[in-house]
């Protein structure tokens, strides 16, 4: 019976010489496993456009408009509320076109289509005296009319003095008007120098209501414009920050196709 060939001395049966691969000689260039090329995903496209700037500009404009509306509301409020009838010391204020103690006849500069209110000022806590008769006003043209009762309830308090509106008058023409004011109905009720008359713009019900609605409209309009403007401004800033962050990330993104090329691994 034929025996298989014996191995070389010092080698186990069936083993191959040292360094010889079991399936033939090694071929240079194909000793390593095959590698697939690696390709990076395409970099995200940068987001461009004027959206952040538009939001920021619109928000800033609305905020500026809100500030303007609040300023307008404050001005309307000062014109509607009788703040200038009395000064801080309780004397005649900056809005007074005339002040004095009755009885008195005086010439007062009045403007056409402007309403005026006659106040009786007296110490705070005391009853307000009444005039003995309705004041009479003579226009520059010679037309005489008596004042009417106050159309609105208007009271000013300052420096320990209360001024209560009692009569109103609307001038039909501009110029010097002669105003005749009678004495107080009960002179004994009023100490000398304690009570006096103040004539100041105001007293028109329509003008008062227009001022009130103007103040309310300006306040609510300012709140709405400020809220929307602030939201747009914040949104614009957030969008701008996100876009800037994306641009920085894009700058660090690998170049497409930078992976290894096809072909055999080099030995």
Protein backbone atom coordinates (compact mmCIF):
# COMPACT_ATOMS: atom_id res chain seq x y z
CA UNK A 1 0.00 0.00 0.00
CA UNK A 2 1.32 3.35 -1.01
CA UNK A 3 2.07 5.77 1.86
CA UNK A 4 1.69 9.53 1.60
CA UNK A 5 4.91 11.40 1.39
CA UNK A 6 6.51 12.18 4.63
CA UNK A 7 7.10 15.70 5.67
CA UNK A 8 10.48 17.18 5.97
CA UNK A 9 12.43 16.40 9.07
CA UNK A 10 11.44 18.59 12.01
CA UNK A 11 8.00 19.40 10.58
CA UNK A 12 4.75 17.79 11.63
CA UNK A 13 2.99 15.64 9.18
CA UNK A 14 0.93 17.66 6.66
CA UNK A 15 2.42 21.05 7.58
CA UNK A 16 3.76 23.48 5.02
CA UNK A 17 7.10 25.15 5.00
CA UNK A 18 7.45 28.20 7.16
CA UNK A 19 6.20 31.44 5.53
CA UNK A 20 4.31 29.71 2.71
CA UNK A 21 0.57 30.50 2.62
CA UNK A 22 -1.78 27.55 2.51
CA UNK A 23 -3.32 28.59 -0.79
CA UNK A 24 -0.32 29.56 -2.75
CA UNK A 25 2.21 32.32 -2.69
CA UNK A 26 1.24 35.77 -1.46
CA UNK A 27 0.48 38.28 -4.16
CA UNK A 28 1.44 41.81 -3.36
CA UNK A 29 -1.44 44.29 -3.26
CA UNK A 30 -4.17 41.83 -2.25
CA UNK A 31 -3.02 40.78 1.17
CA UNK A 32 -5.42 43.13 3.04
CA UNK A 33 -9.20 42.74 3.14
CA UNK A 34 -11.15 44.78 0.60
CA UNK A 35 -12.23 48.20 1.86
CA UNK A 36 -15.24 50.14 0.62
CA UNK A 37 -14.66 53.87 0.11
CA UNK A 38 -16.13 56.21 2.69
CA UNK A 39 -18.08 59.19 1.42
CA UNK A 40 -19.33 61.96 3.73
CA UNK A 41 -22.89 63.27 3.51
CA UNK A 42 -23.27 66.55 1.63
CA UNK A 43 -22.97 69.66 3.79
CA UNK A 44 -26.27 71.44 4.61
CA UNK A 45 -27.07 74.37 2.40
CA UNK A 46 -26.67 77.70 4.22
CA UNK A 47 -29.92 79.51 4.99
CA UNK A 48 -29.91 82.98 3.56
CA UNK A 49 -32.42 85.79 3.30
CA UNK A 50 -33.40 89.04 5.01
CA UNK A 51 -35.87 87.46 7.44
CA UNK A 52 -33.95 88.23 10.68
CA UNK A 53 -33.31 91.84 9.70
CA UNK A 54 -36.94 92.32 8.62
CA UNK A 55 -38.19 90.98 11.95
CA UNK A 56 -35.76 93.14 13.93
CA UNK A 57 -36.65 96.30 11.97
CA UNK A 58 -40.40 95.72 12.24
CA UNK A 59 -40.12 94.99 15.95
CA UNK A 60 -38.07 98.13 16.54
CA UNK A 61 -40.55 100.28 14.59
CA UNK A 62 -43.49 98.89 16.55
CA UNK A 63 -41.69 99.46 19.86
CA UNK A 64 -40.97 103.05 18.86
CA UNK A 65 -44.62 103.47 17.88
CA UNK A 66 -45.68 102.10 21.26
CA UNK A 67 -43.51 104.66 23.04
CA UNK A 68 -45.07 107.40 20.91
CA UNK A 69 -48.58 106.22 21.79
CA UNK A 70 -47.77 106.23 25.50
CA UNK A 71 -46.42 109.78 25.23
CA UNK A 72 -49.57 110.82 23.38
CA UNK A 73 -51.72 109.22 26.07
CA UNK A 74 -49.85 111.14 28.76
CA UNK A 75 -50.35 114.44 26.90
CA UNK A 76 -54.05 113.75 26.40
CA UNK A 77 -54.38 112.87 30.06
CA UNK A 78 -52.88 116.17 31.17
CA UNK A 79 -55.22 118.03 28.82
CA UNK A 80 -58.29 116.11 29.97
CA UNK A 81 -57.69 116.19 33.72
CA UNK A 82 -57.77 119.71 35.29
CA UNK A 83 -54.19 119.63 36.52
CA UNK A 84 -53.44 123.29 35.77
CA UNK A 85 -56.42 124.88 37.52
CA UNK A 86 -54.53 125.17 40.83
CA UNK A 87 -50.84 125.28 41.61
CA UNK A 88 -49.11 123.25 44.32
CA UNK A 89 -49.76 126.00 46.89
CA UNK A 90 -53.50 126.04 46.22
CA UNK A 91 -53.46 129.27 44.18
CA UNK A 92 -54.47 129.79 40.53
CA UNK A 93 -52.65 127.37 38.22
CA UNK A 94 -51.00 127.70 34.83
CA UNK A 95 -54.21 126.98 32.90
CA UNK A 96 -56.14 129.83 34.49
CA UNK A 97 -57.07 132.62 32.04
CA UNK A 98 -58.49 134.63 34.95
CA UNK A 99 -58.63 134.45 38.73
CA UNK A 100 -59.95 136.86 41.34
CA UNK A 101 -62.44 137.46 44.13
CA UNK A 102 -66.04 138.39 43.30
CA UNK A 103 -67.78 140.65 42.71
CA UNK A 104 -65.68 141.64 39.74
CA UNK A 105 -65.94 142.68 36.08
CA UNK A 106 -62.92 141.75 33.98
CA UNK A 107 -61.82 141.40 30.36
CA UNK A 108 -60.60 137.93 29.44
CA UNK A 109 -58.99 136.72 26.21
CA UNK A 110 -61.02 133.78 24.88
CA UNK A 111 -60.61 131.72 21.71
CA UNK A 112 -63.38 130.88 19.28
CA UNK A 113 -65.00 127.42 19.62
CA UNK A 114 -63.16 126.86 22.90
CA UNK A 115 -65.05 125.85 26.03
CA UNK A 116 -64.23 127.35 29.44
CA UNK A 117 -65.18 126.37 32.96
CA UNK A 118 -65.67 128.74 35.88
CA UNK A 119 -64.39 127.23 39.13
CA UNK A 120 -65.12 128.37 42.66
CA UNK A 121 -62.09 127.64 44.85
CA UNK A 122 -62.32 127.33 48.62
CA UNK A 123 -60.39 125.69 51.47
CA UNK A 124 -60.51 121.89 51.49
CA UNK A 125 -63.08 120.45 53.86
CA UNK A 126 -65.40 123.48 53.71
CA UNK A 127 -68.62 123.74 51.72
CA UNK A 128 -68.19 125.35 48.31
CA UNK A 129 -69.98 128.73 48.14
CA UNK A 130 -72.36 129.60 45.32
CA UNK A 131 -72.52 132.81 43.33
CA UNK A 132 -75.49 135.07 43.83
CA UNK A 133 -76.22 135.17 40.09
CA UNK A 134 -75.15 133.53 36.86
CA UNK A 135 -72.08 135.24 35.34
CA UNK A 136 -72.65 137.15 32.11
CA UNK A 137 -70.19 137.31 29.19
CA UNK A 138 -70.10 140.00 26.48
CA UNK A 139 -68.28 139.05 23.27
CA UNK A 140 -66.12 141.49 21.25
CA UNK A 141 -69.03 141.94 18.84
CA UNK A 142 -71.24 143.15 21.71
CA UNK A 143 -73.33 139.98 21.99
CA UNK A 144 -74.09 139.16 25.64
CA UNK A 145 -74.83 135.67 26.92
CA UNK A 146 -75.01 134.17 30.35
CA UNK A 147 -72.89 131.19 31.26
CA UNK A 148 -74.59 127.82 31.41
CA UNK A 149 -74.36 125.22 34.16
CA UNK A 150 -71.26 123.04 34.06
CA UNK A 151 -71.72 120.18 31.56
CA UNK A 152 -69.28 117.94 33.41
CA UNK A 153 -68.35 117.41 37.03
CA UNK A 154 -64.84 118.78 37.42
CA UNK A 155 -62.94 119.21 40.69
CA UNK A 156 -59.31 120.12 41.22
CA UNK A 157 -57.58 119.76 44.58
CA UNK A 158 -54.12 121.09 45.39
CA UNK A 159 -52.35 122.70 48.32
CA UNK A 160 -55.31 122.53 50.70
CA UNK A 161 -57.71 124.10 48.18
CA UNK A 162 -60.60 122.55 46.27
CA UNK A 163 -61.84 124.11 43.02
CA UNK A 164 -65.29 123.00 41.85
CA UNK A 165 -66.58 123.77 38.35
CA UNK A 166 -69.97 125.53 38.47
CA UNK A 167 -70.48 127.26 35.10
CA UNK A 168 -69.32 126.73 31.51
CA UNK A 169 -69.11 128.96 28.46
CA UNK A 170 -68.21 128.33 24.81
CA UNK A 171 -66.80 131.31 22.93
CA UNK A 172 -68.15 131.93 19.42
CA UNK A 173 -65.41 134.42 18.49
CA UNK A 174 -61.87 135.18 19.54
CA UNK A 175 -60.88 138.31 21.41
CA UNK A 176 -61.41 140.10 24.69
CA UNK A 177 -64.64 139.11 26.42
CA UNK A 178 -66.08 141.09 29.31
CA UNK A 179 -67.08 138.82 32.18
CA UNK A 180 -69.33 140.09 34.98
CA UNK A 181 -69.26 137.96 38.13
CA UNK A 182 -71.57 138.63 41.04
CA UNK A 183 -70.69 138.24 44.72
CA UNK A 184 -71.16 135.02 46.64
CA UNK A 185 -74.75 134.23 47.63
CA UNK A 186 -73.83 134.05 51.34
CA UNK A 187 -70.94 136.42 52.04
CA UNK A 188 -70.91 135.44 55.68
CA UNK A 189 -70.09 131.86 54.70
CA UNK A 190 -66.80 132.88 53.10
CA UNK A 191 -63.95 134.53 54.94
CA UNK A 192 -62.12 137.27 53.05
CA UNK A 193 -59.35 135.92 50.85
CA UNK A 194 -60.30 132.26 51.36
CA UNK A 195 -62.43 131.74 48.22
CA UNK A 196 -61.82 132.97 44.69
CA UNK A 197 -62.85 132.42 41.07
CA UNK A 198 -60.78 130.63 38.42
CA UNK A 199 -61.66 130.47 34.69
CA UNK A 200 -59.80 127.79 32.74
CA UNK A 201 -60.24 125.87 29.47
CA UNK A 202 -62.47 122.81 29.68
CA UNK A 203 -66.02 121.98 30.51
CA UNK A 204 -67.03 120.52 27.14
CA UNK A 205 -68.62 117.09 27.50
CA UNK A 206 -67.79 116.05 23.93
CA UNK A 207 -64.20 117.17 24.35
CA UNK A 208 -63.94 115.31 27.65
CA UNK A 209 -65.24 112.07 26.19
CA UNK A 210 -62.95 112.47 23.19
CA UNK A 211 -60.02 112.94 25.54
CA UNK A 212 -60.97 109.90 27.63
CA UNK A 213 -61.34 107.63 24.60
CA UNK A 214 -58.16 109.08 23.14
CA UNK A 215 -56.23 108.21 26.30
CA UNK A 216 -57.68 104.69 26.46
CA UNK A 217 -57.09 104.08 22.76
CA UNK A 218 -53.51 105.29 22.98
CA UNK A 219 -52.80 103.14 26.04
CA UNK A 220 -54.26 99.93 24.60
CA UNK A 221 -52.73 100.63 21.19
CA UNK A 222 -49.35 101.16 22.83
CA UNK A 223 -49.66 97.90 24.76
CA UNK A 224 -50.59 95.95 21.60
CA UNK A 225 -47.86 97.54 19.49
CA UNK A 226 -45.28 97.03 22.23
CA UNK A 227 -46.19 93.37 22.71
CA UNK A 228 -46.09 92.57 18.98
CA UNK A 229 -42.94 94.61 18.47
CA UNK A 230 -41.12 92.91 21.31
CA UNK A 231 -42.12 89.49 19.99
CA UNK A 232 -40.88 90.30 16.48
CA UNK A 233 -37.62 91.71 17.84
CA UNK A 234 -36.92 88.62 19.95
CA UNK A 235 -37.86 86.31 17.05
CA UNK A 236 -35.49 88.17 14.71
CA UNK A 237 -32.62 87.90 17.17
CA UNK A 238 -33.24 84.16 17.68
CA UNK A 239 -33.35 83.49 13.91
CA UNK A 240 -30.14 85.47 13.40
CA UNK A 241 -28.33 83.50 16.15
CA UNK A 242 -29.49 80.15 14.73
CA UNK A 243 -28.33 81.07 11.23
CA UNK A 244 -24.95 82.22 12.49
CA UNK A 245 -24.51 78.93 14.36
CA UNK A 246 -25.39 76.95 11.24
CA UNK A 247 -22.84 78.88 9.19
CA UNK A 248 -20.14 78.05 11.74
CA UNK A 249 -21.11 74.36 11.65
CA UNK A 250 -21.03 74.38 7.85
CA UNK A 251 -17.49 75.75 7.92
CA UNK A 252 -16.36 72.67 9.89
CA UNK A 253 -18.27 70.14 7.69
CA UNK A 254 -16.06 67.60 5.72
CA UNK A 255 -15.64 68.18 2.02
CA UNK A 256 -17.91 65.87 -0.04
CA UNK A 257 -16.03 62.98 -1.69
CA UNK A 258 -13.05 63.17 0.66
CA UNK A 259 -13.15 59.43 1.45
CA UNK A 260 -10.63 56.84 0.09
CA UNK A 261 -10.69 56.12 -3.62
CA UNK A 262 -11.62 52.82 -5.22
CA UNK A 263 -8.86 50.36 -5.85
CA UNK A 264 -6.70 47.75 -4.20
CA UNK A 265 -5.05 48.38 -0.93
CA UNK A 266 -1.34 48.99 -1.32
CA UNK A 267 0.90 46.37 0.26
